[in-house]
Amino acid sequence: MTTVTVGAADFERTVMENDLVLVDFWASWCGPCRQFAPVFDKASEQHGDVVFAKVDTEAEAQLAQAAQITSIPTLMAFKKGQLVYREAGALPATALEQLITAVKDLDLEAALAEQEAEQAAQQDQQG
């Protein structure tokens, strides 16, 4: 699969209707974005079971603001509609491959249960 361009009109649908989605927030004037683009594109060709989406932060400024993008490139990974990774900076190919493997292997239900337990423990400590 190749990368797809998404915007405000189809961002949520893309994230919610696909099991695994990687989103690259980028801009044409951004040097690190231009360096990361071929890495992202190559990974998209190797992982047909993952949606590789690109958001042009210049054309989609409101979406970038809503996603709280303050530095580009920013990479987000969604699994079953849940944000499971968010990091600014261009990843080398090996790190991107490790991330994809980790997201594929992530037990989302267990991770969400663990997160809820941690939040409950924090509330108990505060209360």
Protein backbone atom coordinates (compact mmCIF):
# COMPACT_ATOMS: atom_id res chain seq x y z
CA MET A 1 0.00 0.00 0.00
CA THR A 2 1.17 3.50 -0.67
CA THR A 3 0.59 6.51 1.52
CA VAL A 4 -2.73 8.35 1.49
CA THR A 5 -3.29 12.03 2.05
CA VAL A 6 -5.87 12.81 4.70
CA GLY A 7 -7.41 16.03 5.87
CA ALA A 8 -9.97 17.26 8.35
CA ALA A 9 -12.81 15.77 6.29
CA ASP A 10 -11.55 12.18 6.44
CA PHE A 11 -9.01 12.02 9.31
CA GLU A 12 -11.36 10.63 11.97
CA ARG A 13 -12.95 8.14 9.58
CA THR A 14 -9.52 6.91 8.46
CA VAL A 15 -8.38 6.40 12.06
CA MET A 16 -11.62 4.77 13.24
CA GLU A 17 -12.26 2.46 10.27
CA ASN A 18 -8.80 0.86 10.08
CA ASP A 19 -7.06 -1.38 12.61
CA LEU A 20 -3.63 0.24 12.30
CA VAL A 21 -2.97 3.77 11.07
CA LEU A 22 0.30 5.69 11.08
CA VAL A 23 -0.07 9.43 10.49
CA ASP A 24 2.80 11.66 9.42
CA PHE A 25 2.17 15.36 10.07
CA TRP A 26 4.54 17.26 7.76
CA ALA A 27 5.12 20.42 5.71
CA SER A 28 6.91 20.96 2.40
CA TRP A 29 9.32 23.56 3.87
CA CYS A 30 10.45 21.21 6.67
CA GLY A 31 13.87 19.60 6.04
CA PRO A 32 13.42 16.71 8.52
CA CYS A 33 9.98 16.07 6.98
CA ARG A 34 11.55 15.73 3.53
CA GLN A 35 14.17 13.34 4.97
CA PHE A 36 11.52 11.20 6.66
CA ALA A 37 9.15 11.03 3.66
CA PRO A 38 11.03 8.30 1.73
CA VAL A 39 11.41 6.22 4.92
CA PHE A 40 7.65 6.49 5.55
CA ASP A 41 6.85 5.72 1.89
CA LYS A 42 9.11 2.64 1.83
CA ALA A 43 7.55 1.30 5.03
CA SER A 44 4.10 1.75 3.49
CA GLU A 45 5.13 -0.55 0.64
CA GLN A 46 6.29 -3.23 3.08
CA HIS A 47 3.23 -3.19 5.36
CA GLY A 48 0.06 -3.55 3.33
CA ASP A 49 -1.94 -4.21 6.50
CA VAL A 50 -1.21 -0.71 7.87
CA VAL A 51 -2.67 2.57 6.60
CA PHE A 52 0.07 5.17 6.13
CA ALA A 53 -1.55 8.60 6.13
CA LYS A 54 0.04 11.99 5.56
CA VAL A 55 -1.30 15.34 6.79
CA ASP A 56 0.10 18.49 5.22
CA THR A 57 0.10 20.86 8.20
CA GLU A 58 0.10 23.90 5.90
CA ALA A 59 -2.99 22.82 3.96
CA GLU A 60 -4.66 21.37 7.06
CA ALA A 61 -3.74 23.98 9.69
CA GLN A 62 -6.95 23.50 11.68
CA LEU A 63 -6.46 19.73 11.83
CA ALA A 64 -2.84 20.19 12.90
CA GLN A 65 -3.97 22.59 15.62
CA ALA A 66 -6.71 20.21 16.78
CA ALA A 67 -4.10 17.42 16.95
CA GLN A 68 -1.87 19.76 18.99
CA ILE A 69 1.00 19.54 16.51
CA THR A 70 3.74 21.89 17.72
CA SER A 71 6.72 20.35 15.95
CA ILE A 72 7.06 18.53 12.65
CA PRO A 73 7.41 15.92 11.54
CA THR A 74 5.15 14.36 14.16
CA LEU A 75 4.25 10.71 13.83
CA MET A 76 1.13 9.27 15.42
CA ALA A 77 0.10 5.63 15.56
CA PHE A 78 -3.48 4.54 16.10
CA LYS A 79 -4.64 1.02 16.85
CA LYS A 80 -8.37 0.34 16.63
CA GLY A 81 -9.04 4.06 16.86
CA GLN A 82 -6.88 4.61 19.94
CA LEU A 83 -3.79 6.81 19.89
CA VAL A 84 -0.96 4.54 21.06
CA TYR A 85 2.11 6.52 19.96
CA ARG A 86 2.94 10.16 19.36
CA GLU A 87 6.42 11.55 18.81
CA ALA A 88 7.95 14.53 17.05
CA GLY A 89 11.05 14.03 14.93
CA ALA A 90 12.10 12.01 11.92
CA LEU A 91 12.67 8.34 12.66
CA PRO A 92 15.33 6.29 10.90
CA ALA A 93 14.04 3.26 9.01
CA THR A 94 15.03 0.77 11.72
CA ALA A 95 13.22 2.76 14.43
CA LEU A 96 10.09 3.06 12.27
CA GLU A 97 10.17 -0.69 11.65
CA GLN A 98 10.48 -1.33 15.41
CA LEU A 99 7.56 1.01 16.05
CA ILE A 100 5.36 -0.74 13.48
CA THR A 101 6.17 -4.13 15.01
CA ALA A 102 5.47 -2.84 18.53
CA VAL A 103 2.11 -1.37 17.51
CA LYS A 104 1.13 -4.58 15.70
CA ASP A 105 2.10 -6.64 18.77
CA LEU A 106 0.44 -4.30 21.28
CA ASP A 107 -2.40 -5.88 23.27
CA LEU A 108 -4.62 -2.82 23.21
CA GLU A 109 -7.18 -4.10 25.71
CA ALA A 110 -4.46 -4.94 28.27
CA ALA A 111 -2.77 -1.58 27.73
CA LEU A 112 -6.04 0.31 28.23
CA ALA A 113 -6.84 -1.71 31.38
CA GLU A 114 -3.37 -0.96 32.75
CA GLN A 115 -3.80 2.74 31.99
CA GLU A 116 -7.17 2.80 33.78
CA ALA A 117 -5.64 1.04 36.82
CA GLU A 118 -2.82 3.60 36.95
CA GLN A 119 -5.29 6.48 36.76
CA ALA A 120 -7.40 4.97 39.54
CA ALA A 121 -4.29 4.54 41.73
CA GLN A 122 -3.32 8.19 41.14
CA GLN A 123 -6.81 9.32 42.11
CA ASP A 124 -6.65 7.22 45.29
CA GLN A 125 -3.33 8.85 46.20
CA GLN A 126 -4.74 12.33 45.59
CA GLY A 127 -8.03 11.70 47.39
